[in-house]
Amino acid sequence: LFGGDIEEAIDPALALELFHNFTLIHDDIMDEAPIRRGQPTVH
């Protein structure tokens, strides 16, 4: 949006995706959720 180099934003984008999935793994454990994205949760 601000005319930056997309390649320079790839690393923080990867960081956000990993952080998000980290929270999903732990949330699913706390919620005792059996399914995530149509498949068994990690735990």
All heavy atoms as atom14 arrays in JSON, in Angstrom:
{
  "sequence": "LFGGDIEEAIDPALALELFHNFTLIHDDIMDEAPIRRGQPTVH",
  "atom14_mask": [
    [1, 1, 1, 1, 1, 1, 1, 1, 0, 0, 0, 0, 0, 0],
    [1, 1, 1, 1, 1, 1, 1, 1, 1, 1, 1, 0, 0, 0],
    [1, 1, 1, 1, 0, 0, 0, 0, 0, 0, 0, 0, 0, 0],
    [1, 1, 1, 1, 0, 0, 0, 0, 0, 0, 0, 0, 0, 0],
    [1, 1, 1, 1, 1, 1, 1, 1, 0, 0, 0, 0, 0, 0],
    [1, 1, 1, 1, 1, 1, 1, 1, 0, 0, 0, 0, 0, 0],
    [1, 1, 1, 1, 1, 1, 1, 1, 1, 0, 0, 0, 0, 0],
    [1, 1, 1, 1, 1, 1, 1, 1, 1, 0, 0, 0, 0, 0],
    [1, 1, 1, 1, 1, 0, 0, 0, 0, 0, 0, 0, 0, 0],
    [1, 1, 1, 1, 1, 1, 1, 1, 0, 0, 0, 0, 0, 0],
    [1, 1, 1, 1, 1, 1, 1, 1, 0, 0, 0, 0, 0, 0],
    [1, 1, 1, 1, 1, 1, 1, 0, 0, 0, 0, 0, 0, 0],
    [1, 1, 1, 1, 1, 0, 0, 0, 0, 0, 0, 0, 0, 0],
    [1, 1, 1, 1, 1, 1, 1, 1, 0, 0, 0, 0, 0, 0],
    [1, 1, 1, 1, 1, 0, 0, 0, 0, 0, 0, 0, 0, 0],
    [1, 1, 1, 1, 1, 1, 1, 1, 0, 0, 0, 0, 0, 0],
    [1, 1, 1, 1, 1, 1, 1, 1, 1, 0, 0, 0, 0, 0],
    [1, 1, 1, 1, 1, 1, 1, 1, 0, 0, 0, 0, 0, 0],
    [1, 1, 1, 1, 1, 1, 1, 1, 1, 1, 1, 0, 0, 0],
    [1, 1, 1, 1, 1, 1, 1, 1, 1, 1, 0, 0, 0, 0],
    [1, 1, 1, 1, 1, 1, 1, 1, 0, 0, 0, 0, 0, 0],
    [1, 1, 1, 1, 1, 1, 1, 1, 1, 1, 1, 0, 0, 0],
    [1, 1, 1, 1, 1, 1, 1, 0, 0, 0, 0, 0, 0, 0],
    [1, 1, 1, 1, 1, 1, 1, 1, 0, 0, 0, 0, 0, 0],
    [1, 1, 1, 1, 1, 1, 1, 1, 0, 0, 0, 0, 0, 0],
    [1, 1, 1, 1, 1, 1, 1, 1, 1, 1, 0, 0, 0, 0],
    [1, 1, 1, 1, 1, 1, 1, 1, 0, 0, 0, 0, 0, 0],
    [1, 1, 1, 1, 1, 1, 1, 1, 0, 0, 0, 0, 0, 0],
    [1, 1, 1, 1, 1, 1, 1, 1, 0, 0, 0, 0, 0, 0],
    [1, 1, 1, 1, 1, 1, 1, 1, 0, 0, 0, 0, 0, 0],
    [1, 1, 1, 1, 1, 1, 1, 1, 0, 0, 0, 0, 0, 0],
    [1, 1, 1, 1, 1, 1, 1, 1, 1, 0, 0, 0, 0, 0],
    [1, 1, 1, 1, 1, 0, 0, 0, 0, 0, 0, 0, 0, 0],
    [1, 1, 1, 1, 1, 1, 1, 0, 0, 0, 0, 0, 0, 0],
    [1, 1, 1, 1, 1, 1, 1, 1, 0, 0, 0, 0, 0, 0],
    [1, 1, 1, 1, 1, 1, 1, 1, 1, 1, 1, 0, 0, 0],
    [1, 1, 1, 1, 1, 1, 1, 1, 1, 1, 1, 0, 0, 0],
    [1, 1, 1, 1, 0, 0, 0, 0, 0, 0, 0, 0, 0, 0],
    [1, 1, 1, 1, 1, 1, 1, 1, 1, 0, 0, 0, 0, 0],
    [1, 1, 1, 1, 1, 1, 1, 0, 0, 0, 0, 0, 0, 0],
    [1, 1, 1, 1, 1, 1, 1, 0, 0, 0, 0, 0, 0, 0],
    [1, 1, 1, 1, 1, 1, 1, 0, 0, 0, 0, 0, 0, 0],
    [1, 1, 1, 1, 1, 1, 1, 1, 1, 1, 0, 0, 0, 0]
  ],
  "atom14_positions": [
    [[0.82, -1.21, 0.0], [0.0, 0.0, 0.0], [0.85, 1.26, 0.0], [0.49, 2.28, -0.6], [-0.92, 0.0, 1.22], [-1.86, 1.2, 1.39], [-2.84, 1.29, 0.23], [-2.63, 1.09, 2.71], [0.0, 0.0, 0.0], [0.0, 0.0, 0.0], [0.0, 0.0, 0.0], [0.0, 0.0, 0.0], [0.0, 0.0, 0.0], [0.0, 0.0, 0.0]],
    [[2.02, 1.18, 0.65], [2.88, 2.36, 0.77], [4.09, 2.29, -0.17], [5.09, 3.0, 0.02], [3.33, 2.54, 2.22], [2.18, 2.83, 3.13], [1.61, 1.82, 3.9], [1.63, 4.1, 3.2], [0.52, 2.08, 4.73], [0.54, 4.37, 4.02], [-0.01, 3.35, 4.79], [0.0, 0.0, 0.0], [0.0, 0.0, 0.0], [0.0, 0.0, 0.0]],
    [[4.0, 1.41, -1.16], [5.03, 1.36, -2.19], [6.31, 0.69, -1.77], [7.36, 0.91, -2.4], [0.0, 0.0, 0.0], [0.0, 0.0, 0.0], [0.0, 0.0, 0.0], [0.0, 0.0, 0.0], [0.0, 0.0, 0.0], [0.0, 0.0, 0.0], [0.0, 0.0, 0.0], [0.0, 0.0, 0.0], [0.0, 0.0, 0.0], [0.0, 0.0, 0.0]],
    [[6.25, -0.14, -0.74], [7.45, -0.83, -0.29], [7.81, -2.02, -1.15], [7.04, -2.45, -2.01], [0.0, 0.0, 0.0], [0.0, 0.0, 0.0], [0.0, 0.0, 0.0], [0.0, 0.0, 0.0], [0.0, 0.0, 0.0], [0.0, 0.0, 0.0], [0.0, 0.0, 0.0], [0.0, 0.0, 0.0], [0.0, 0.0, 0.0], [0.0, 0.0, 0.0]],
    [[9.0, -2.58, -0.89], [9.49, -3.76, -1.59], [8.87, -4.99, -0.92], [9.14, -5.28, 0.24], [11.02, -3.82, -1.51], [11.6, -4.99, -2.29], [10.83, -5.86, -2.74], [12.84, -5.04, -2.41], [0.0, 0.0, 0.0], [0.0, 0.0, 0.0], [0.0, 0.0, 0.0], [0.0, 0.0, 0.0], [0.0, 0.0, 0.0], [0.0, 0.0, 0.0]],
    [[8.05, -5.72, -1.66], [7.35, -6.88, -1.11], [8.34, -7.91, -0.55], [8.07, -8.54, 0.48], [6.46, -7.55, -2.19], [5.39, -6.57, -2.67], [5.8, -8.81, -1.63], [4.45, -6.11, -1.6], [0.0, 0.0, 0.0], [0.0, 0.0, 0.0], [0.0, 0.0, 0.0], [0.0, 0.0, 0.0], [0.0, 0.0, 0.0], [0.0, 0.0, 0.0]],
    [[9.47, -8.08, -1.21], [10.45, -9.06, -0.75], [10.93, -8.77, 0.67], [11.21, -9.68, 1.44], [11.64, -9.12, -1.71], [11.34, -9.8, -3.04], [10.93, -11.26, -2.87], [11.5, -11.94, -2.01], [10.01, -11.7, -3.6], [0.0, 0.0, 0.0], [0.0, 0.0, 0.0], [0.0, 0.0, 0.0], [0.0, 0.0, 0.0], [0.0, 0.0, 0.0]],
    [[11.0, -7.48, 1.01], [11.44, -7.11, 2.35], [10.39, -7.41, 3.41], [10.7, -7.45, 4.61], [11.82, -5.63, 2.39], [13.05, -5.31, 1.55], [13.46, -3.84, 1.66], [12.86, -3.12, 2.49], [14.38, -3.43, 0.94], [0.0, 0.0, 0.0], [0.0, 0.0, 0.0], [0.0, 0.0, 0.0], [0.0, 0.0, 0.0], [0.0, 0.0, 0.0]],
    [[9.16, -7.63, 2.98], [8.08, -7.93, 3.91], [7.84, -9.42, 4.07], [7.02, -9.83, 4.91], [6.79, -7.25, 3.45], [0.0, 0.0, 0.0], [0.0, 0.0, 0.0], [0.0, 0.0, 0.0], [0.0, 0.0, 0.0], [0.0, 0.0, 0.0], [0.0, 0.0, 0.0], [0.0, 0.0, 0.0], [0.0, 0.0, 0.0], [0.0, 0.0, 0.0]],
    [[8.56, -10.26, 3.3], [8.33, -11.71, 3.36], [8.7, -12.27, 4.74], [7.96, -13.09, 5.3], [9.13, -12.44, 2.25], [8.53, -12.13, 0.87], [9.15, -13.94, 2.5], [7.13, -12.7, 0.66], [0.0, 0.0, 0.0], [0.0, 0.0, 0.0], [0.0, 0.0, 0.0], [0.0, 0.0, 0.0], [0.0, 0.0, 0.0], [0.0, 0.0, 0.0]],
    [[9.84, -11.84, 5.28], [10.26, -12.39, 6.58], [9.27, -12.07, 7.7], [8.88, -12.98, 8.45], [11.67, -11.9, 6.94], [12.76, -12.62, 6.15], [12.54, -13.79, 5.79], [13.81, -12.01, 5.89], [0.0, 0.0, 0.0], [0.0, 0.0, 0.0], [0.0, 0.0, 0.0], [0.0, 0.0, 0.0], [0.0, 0.0, 0.0], [0.0, 0.0, 0.0]],
    [[8.83, -10.81, 7.87], [7.81, -10.58, 8.89], [6.49, -11.29, 8.58], [5.76, -11.66, 9.51], [7.65, -9.06, 8.91], [8.26, -8.57, 7.65], [9.32, -9.55, 7.29], [0.0, 0.0, 0.0], [0.0, 0.0, 0.0], [0.0, 0.0, 0.0], [0.0, 0.0, 0.0], [0.0, 0.0, 0.0], [0.0, 0.0, 0.0], [0.0, 0.0, 0.0]],
    [[6.18, -11.48, 7.29], [4.97, -12.23, 6.94], [5.08, -13.68, 7.39], [4.13, -14.26, 7.93], [4.73, -12.16, 5.43], [0.0, 0.0, 0.0], [0.0, 0.0, 0.0], [0.0, 0.0, 0.0], [0.0, 0.0, 0.0], [0.0, 0.0, 0.0], [0.0, 0.0, 0.0], [0.0, 0.0, 0.0], [0.0, 0.0, 0.0], [0.0, 0.0, 0.0]],
    [[6.24, -14.28, 7.18], [6.48, -15.63, 7.67], [6.37, -15.68, 9.19], [5.8, -16.63, 9.76], [7.87, -16.11, 7.23], [8.02, -16.46, 5.74], [9.49, -16.53, 5.36], [7.32, -17.77, 5.42], [0.0, 0.0, 0.0], [0.0, 0.0, 0.0], [0.0, 0.0, 0.0], [0.0, 0.0, 0.0], [0.0, 0.0, 0.0], [0.0, 0.0, 0.0]],
    [[6.89, -14.66, 9.85], [6.81, -14.6, 11.31], [5.37, -14.58, 11.79], [5.0, -15.29, 12.73], [7.55, -13.37, 11.83], [0.0, 0.0, 0.0], [0.0, 0.0, 0.0], [0.0, 0.0, 0.0], [0.0, 0.0, 0.0], [0.0, 0.0, 0.0], [0.0, 0.0, 0.0], [0.0, 0.0, 0.0], [0.0, 0.0, 0.0], [0.0, 0.0, 0.0]],
    [[4.52, -13.79, 11.14], [3.12, -13.7, 11.54], [2.39, -15.02, 11.3], [1.55, -15.43, 12.11], [2.43, -12.56, 10.79], [2.33, -11.21, 11.53], [1.35, -11.29, 12.69], [3.69, -10.73, 12.01], [0.0, 0.0, 0.0], [0.0, 0.0, 0.0], [0.0, 0.0, 0.0], [0.0, 0.0, 0.0], [0.0, 0.0, 0.0], [0.0, 0.0, 0.0]],
    [[2.7, -15.7, 10.2], [2.05, -16.99, 9.93], [2.46, -18.04, 10.96], [1.63, -18.83, 11.44], [2.37, -17.47, 8.51], [1.71, -18.77, 8.13], [0.2, -18.71, 8.02], [-0.4, -17.62, 8.21], [-0.41, -19.76, 7.75], [0.0, 0.0, 0.0], [0.0, 0.0, 0.0], [0.0, 0.0, 0.0], [0.0, 0.0, 0.0], [0.0, 0.0, 0.0]],
    [[3.73, -18.06, 11.31], [4.19, -19.01, 12.32], [3.6, -18.69, 13.69], [3.17, -19.6, 14.41], [5.72, -19.0, 12.39], [6.44, -19.56, 11.17], [7.94, -19.42, 11.33], [6.07, -21.02, 10.94], [0.0, 0.0, 0.0], [0.0, 0.0, 0.0], [0.0, 0.0, 0.0], [0.0, 0.0, 0.0], [0.0, 0.0, 0.0], [0.0, 0.0, 0.0]],
    [[3.57, -17.42, 14.04], [2.97, -17.04, 15.33], [1.5, -17.43, 15.37], [1.01, -17.96, 16.37], [3.12, -15.54, 15.57], [2.43, -15.08, 16.82], [2.98, -15.32, 18.07], [1.21, -14.42, 16.76], [2.33, -14.92, 19.23], [0.55, -14.01, 17.9], [1.12, -14.26, 19.15], [0.0, 0.0, 0.0], [0.0, 0.0, 0.0], [0.0, 0.0, 0.0]],
    [[0.78, -17.16, 14.29], [-0.65, -17.49, 14.25], [-0.86, -18.99, 14.44], [-1.73, -19.41, 15.22], [-1.23, -17.03, 12.91], [-2.65, -17.45, 12.69], [-3.66, -17.13, 13.57], [-3.23, -18.18, 11.7], [-4.81, -17.63, 13.14], [-4.57, -18.27, 12.02], [0.0, 0.0, 0.0], [0.0, 0.0, 0.0], [0.0, 0.0, 0.0], [0.0, 0.0, 0.0]],
    [[-0.07, -19.8, 13.76], [-0.24, -21.25, 13.88], [0.2, -21.76, 15.25], [-0.37, -22.72, 15.77], [0.52, -21.96, 12.76], [-0.25, -21.93, 11.45], [-1.11, -22.76, 11.21], [0.05, -20.95, 10.61], [0.0, 0.0, 0.0], [0.0, 0.0, 0.0], [0.0, 0.0, 0.0], [0.0, 0.0, 0.0], [0.0, 0.0, 0.0], [0.0, 0.0, 0.0]],
    [[1.18, -21.11, 15.84], [1.55, -21.41, 17.24], [0.35, -21.2, 18.17], [0.04, -22.05, 19.01], [2.73, -20.52, 17.64], [2.76, -20.11, 19.09], [3.11, -21.01, 20.08], [2.47, -18.8, 19.45], [3.14, -20.62, 21.42], [2.49, -18.4, 20.77], [2.84, -19.31, 21.77], [0.0, 0.0, 0.0], [0.0, 0.0, 0.0], [0.0, 0.0, 0.0]],
    [[-0.36, -20.09, 17.99], [-1.53, -19.84, 18.84], [-2.63, -20.86, 18.57], [-3.34, -21.27, 19.5], [-2.08, -18.41, 18.65], [-2.61, -18.26, 17.33], [-1.02, -17.36, 18.91], [0.0, 0.0, 0.0], [0.0, 0.0, 0.0], [0.0, 0.0, 0.0], [0.0, 0.0, 0.0], [0.0, 0.0, 0.0], [0.0, 0.0, 0.0], [0.0, 0.0, 0.0]],
    [[-2.79, -21.28, 17.32], [-3.83, -22.26, 16.99], [-3.56, -23.59, 17.68], [-4.48, -24.23, 18.21], [-3.92, -22.46, 15.48], [-4.36, -21.26, 14.63], [-4.47, -21.68, 13.16], [-5.68, -20.69, 15.12], [0.0, 0.0, 0.0], [0.0, 0.0, 0.0], [0.0, 0.0, 0.0], [0.0, 0.0, 0.0], [0.0, 0.0, 0.0], [0.0, 0.0, 0.0]],
    [[-2.31, -24.03, 17.64], [-1.96, -25.3, 18.29], [-2.31, -25.26, 19.77], [-2.93, -26.18, 20.31], [-0.46, -25.61, 18.1], [-0.15, -25.92, 16.64], [-0.04, -26.79, 18.98], [1.34, -26.11, 16.34], [0.0, 0.0, 0.0], [0.0, 0.0, 0.0], [0.0, 0.0, 0.0], [0.0, 0.0, 0.0], [0.0, 0.0, 0.0], [0.0, 0.0, 0.0]],
    [[-1.9, -24.19, 20.44], [-2.14, -24.08, 21.88], [-3.61, -23.85, 22.19], [-4.15, -24.38, 23.17], [-1.25, -22.98, 22.47], [0.19, -23.38, 22.58], [1.07, -22.8, 23.48], [0.92, -24.3, 21.9], [2.26, -23.35, 23.36], [2.2, -24.25, 22.4], [0.0, 0.0, 0.0], [0.0, 0.0, 0.0], [0.0, 0.0, 0.0], [0.0, 0.0, 0.0]],
    [[-4.29, -23.03, 21.38], [-5.73, -22.8, 21.6], [-6.51, -24.11, 21.47], [-7.44, -24.37, 22.25], [-6.27, -21.79, 20.59], [-5.86, -20.36, 20.9], [-5.13, -20.17, 21.89], [-6.24, -19.45, 20.14], [0.0, 0.0, 0.0], [0.0, 0.0, 0.0], [0.0, 0.0, 0.0], [0.0, 0.0, 0.0], [0.0, 0.0, 0.0], [0.0, 0.0, 0.0]],
    [[-6.16, -24.92, 20.48], [-6.87, -26.18, 20.27], [-6.69, -27.13, 21.46], [-7.61, -27.88, 21.8], [-6.4, -26.85, 18.98], [-6.93, -26.18, 17.72], [-7.93, -25.44, 17.83], [-6.36, -26.38, 16.64], [0.0, 0.0, 0.0], [0.0, 0.0, 0.0], [0.0, 0.0, 0.0], [0.0, 0.0, 0.0], [0.0, 0.0, 0.0], [0.0, 0.0, 0.0]],
    [[-5.51, -27.09, 22.06], [-5.29, -27.9, 23.27], [-6.18, -27.41, 24.4], [-6.88, -28.2, 25.06], [-3.8, -27.84, 23.7], [-2.92, -28.52, 22.66], [-3.62, -28.5, 25.06], [-1.44, -28.28, 22.86], [0.0, 0.0, 0.0], [0.0, 0.0, 0.0], [0.0, 0.0, 0.0], [0.0, 0.0, 0.0], [0.0, 0.0, 0.0], [0.0, 0.0, 0.0]],
    [[-6.2, -26.11, 24.62], [-7.0, -25.53, 25.71], [-8.49, -25.73, 25.49], [-9.25, -25.94, 26.43], [-6.65, -24.05, 25.88], [-5.28, -23.82, 26.48], [-4.88, -22.07, 26.7], [-4.14, -21.68, 25.12], [0.0, 0.0, 0.0], [0.0, 0.0, 0.0], [0.0, 0.0, 0.0], [0.0, 0.0, 0.0], [0.0, 0.0, 0.0], [0.0, 0.0, 0.0]],
    [[-8.92, -25.66, 24.22], [-10.34, -25.83, 23.89], [-10.73, -27.29, 23.7], [-11.92, -27.58, 23.49], [-10.68, -25.06, 22.61], [-10.6, -23.55, 22.79], [-10.6, -23.09, 23.95], [-10.54, -22.84, 21.77], [0.0, 0.0, 0.0], [0.0, 0.0, 0.0], [0.0, 0.0, 0.0], [0.0, 0.0, 0.0], [0.0, 0.0, 0.0], [0.0, 0.0, 0.0]],
    [[-9.73, -28.18, 23.74], [-9.97, -29.6, 23.47], [-10.66, -29.79, 22.11], [-11.55, -30.63, 21.95], [-10.8, -30.24, 24.59], [-10.11, -30.17, 25.95], [-10.92, -30.82, 27.06], [-12.05, -31.27, 26.78], [-10.44, -30.85, 28.2], [0.0, 0.0, 0.0], [0.0, 0.0, 0.0], [0.0, 0.0, 0.0], [0.0, 0.0, 0.0], [0.0, 0.0, 0.0]],
    [[-10.24, -29.0, 21.14], [-10.85, -29.03, 19.81], [-10.33, -30.23, 19.02], [-9.12, -30.47, 18.98], [-10.54, -27.75, 19.06], [0.0, 0.0, 0.0], [0.0, 0.0, 0.0], [0.0, 0.0, 0.0], [0.0, 0.0, 0.0], [0.0, 0.0, 0.0], [0.0, 0.0, 0.0], [0.0, 0.0, 0.0], [0.0, 0.0, 0.0], [0.0, 0.0, 0.0]],
    [[-11.21, -30.99, 18.37], [-10.78, -32.18, 17.63], [-10.39, -31.91, 16.18], [-9.67, -32.7, 15.57], [-12.01, -33.09, 17.68], [-13.16, -32.13, 17.71], [-12.68, -30.92, 18.48], [0.0, 0.0, 0.0], [0.0, 0.0, 0.0], [0.0, 0.0, 0.0], [0.0, 0.0, 0.0], [0.0, 0.0, 0.0], [0.0, 0.0, 0.0], [0.0, 0.0, 0.0]],
    [[-10.89, -30.8, 15.6], [-10.71, -30.56, 14.17], [-10.2, -29.15, 13.93], [-10.64, -28.2, 14.56], [-12.04, -30.76, 13.41], [-12.56, -32.19, 13.58], [-11.88, -30.44, 11.92], [-13.96, -32.39, 13.04], [0.0, 0.0, 0.0], [0.0, 0.0, 0.0], [0.0, 0.0, 0.0], [0.0, 0.0, 0.0], [0.0, 0.0, 0.0], [0.0, 0.0, 0.0]],
    [[-9.27, -29.04, 12.98], [-8.75, -27.73, 12.55], [-8.55, -27.81, 11.04], [-7.86, -28.7, 10.55], [-7.42, -27.42, 13.25], [-6.64, -26.24, 12.71], [-7.32, -24.92, 12.97], [-7.44, -24.62, 14.39], [-8.02, -23.51, 14.86], [-8.52, -22.62, 14.0], [-8.11, -23.29, 16.16], [0.0, 0.0, 0.0], [0.0, 0.0, 0.0], [0.0, 0.0, 0.0]],
    [[-9.19, -26.91, 10.31], [-9.1, -26.89, 8.85], [-9.49, -28.23, 8.23], [-8.89, -28.7, 7.28], [-7.7, -26.48, 8.41], [-7.34, -25.04, 8.8], [-5.88, -24.71, 8.61], [-5.56, -23.36, 9.03], [-4.33, -22.93, 9.33], [-3.32, -23.75, 9.26], [-4.13, -21.68, 9.72], [0.0, 0.0, 0.0], [0.0, 0.0, 0.0], [0.0, 0.0, 0.0]],
    [[-10.5, -28.86, 8.85], [-11.04, -30.1, 8.31], [-10.23, -31.34, 8.64], [-10.58, -32.44, 8.2], [0.0, 0.0, 0.0], [0.0, 0.0, 0.0], [0.0, 0.0, 0.0], [0.0, 0.0, 0.0], [0.0, 0.0, 0.0], [0.0, 0.0, 0.0], [0.0, 0.0, 0.0], [0.0, 0.0, 0.0], [0.0, 0.0, 0.0], [0.0, 0.0, 0.0]],
    [[-9.16, -31.2, 9.41], [-8.29, -32.33, 9.75], [-8.11, -32.4, 11.27], [-8.4, -31.42, 11.97], [-6.93, -32.18, 9.07], [-6.98, -32.16, 7.55], [-7.46, -33.46, 6.95], [-7.17, -34.54, 7.48], [-8.24, -33.38, 5.87], [0.0, 0.0, 0.0], [0.0, 0.0, 0.0], [0.0, 0.0, 0.0], [0.0, 0.0, 0.0], [0.0, 0.0, 0.0]],
    [[-7.63, -33.53, 11.78], [-7.39, -33.62, 13.23], [-6.44, -32.51, 13.7], [-5.48, -32.18, 13.0], [-6.76, -35.0, 13.4], [-7.24, -35.79, 12.23], [-7.35, -34.81, 11.1], [0.0, 0.0, 0.0], [0.0, 0.0, 0.0], [0.0, 0.0, 0.0], [0.0, 0.0, 0.0], [0.0, 0.0, 0.0], [0.0, 0.0, 0.0], [0.0, 0.0, 0.0]],
    [[-6.72, -31.94, 14.84], [-5.83, -30.94, 15.41], [-4.49, -31.59, 15.75], [-4.38, -32.81, 15.84], [-6.45, -30.31, 16.66], [-6.95, -31.36, 17.51], [-7.61, -29.4, 16.31], [0.0, 0.0, 0.0], [0.0, 0.0, 0.0], [0.0, 0.0, 0.0], [0.0, 0.0, 0.0], [0.0, 0.0, 0.0], [0.0, 0.0, 0.0], [0.0, 0.0, 0.0]],
    [[-3.47, -30.77, 15.96], [-2.12, -31.29, 16.16], [-2.06, -32.21, 17.38], [-1.45, -33.29, 17.33], [-1.11, -30.14, 16.3], [0.26, -30.66, 16.71], [-0.99, -29.37, 14.98], [0.0, 0.0, 0.0], [0.0, 0.0, 0.0], [0.0, 0.0, 0.0], [0.0, 0.0, 0.0], [0.0, 0.0, 0.0], [0.0, 0.0, 0.0], [0.0, 0.0, 0.0]],
    [[-2.71, -31.82, 18.48], [-2.63, -32.66, 19.69], [-3.41, -33.96, 19.53], [-3.12, -34.93, 20.23], [-3.11, -31.89, 20.92], [-4.56, -31.56, 20.94], [-5.11, -30.53, 20.21], [-5.6, -32.13, 21.6], [-6.41, -30.47, 20.42], [-6.74, -31.44, 21.26], [0.0, 0.0, 0.0], [0.0, 0.0, 0.0], [0.0, 0.0, 0.0], [0.0, 0.0, 0.0]]
  ]
}
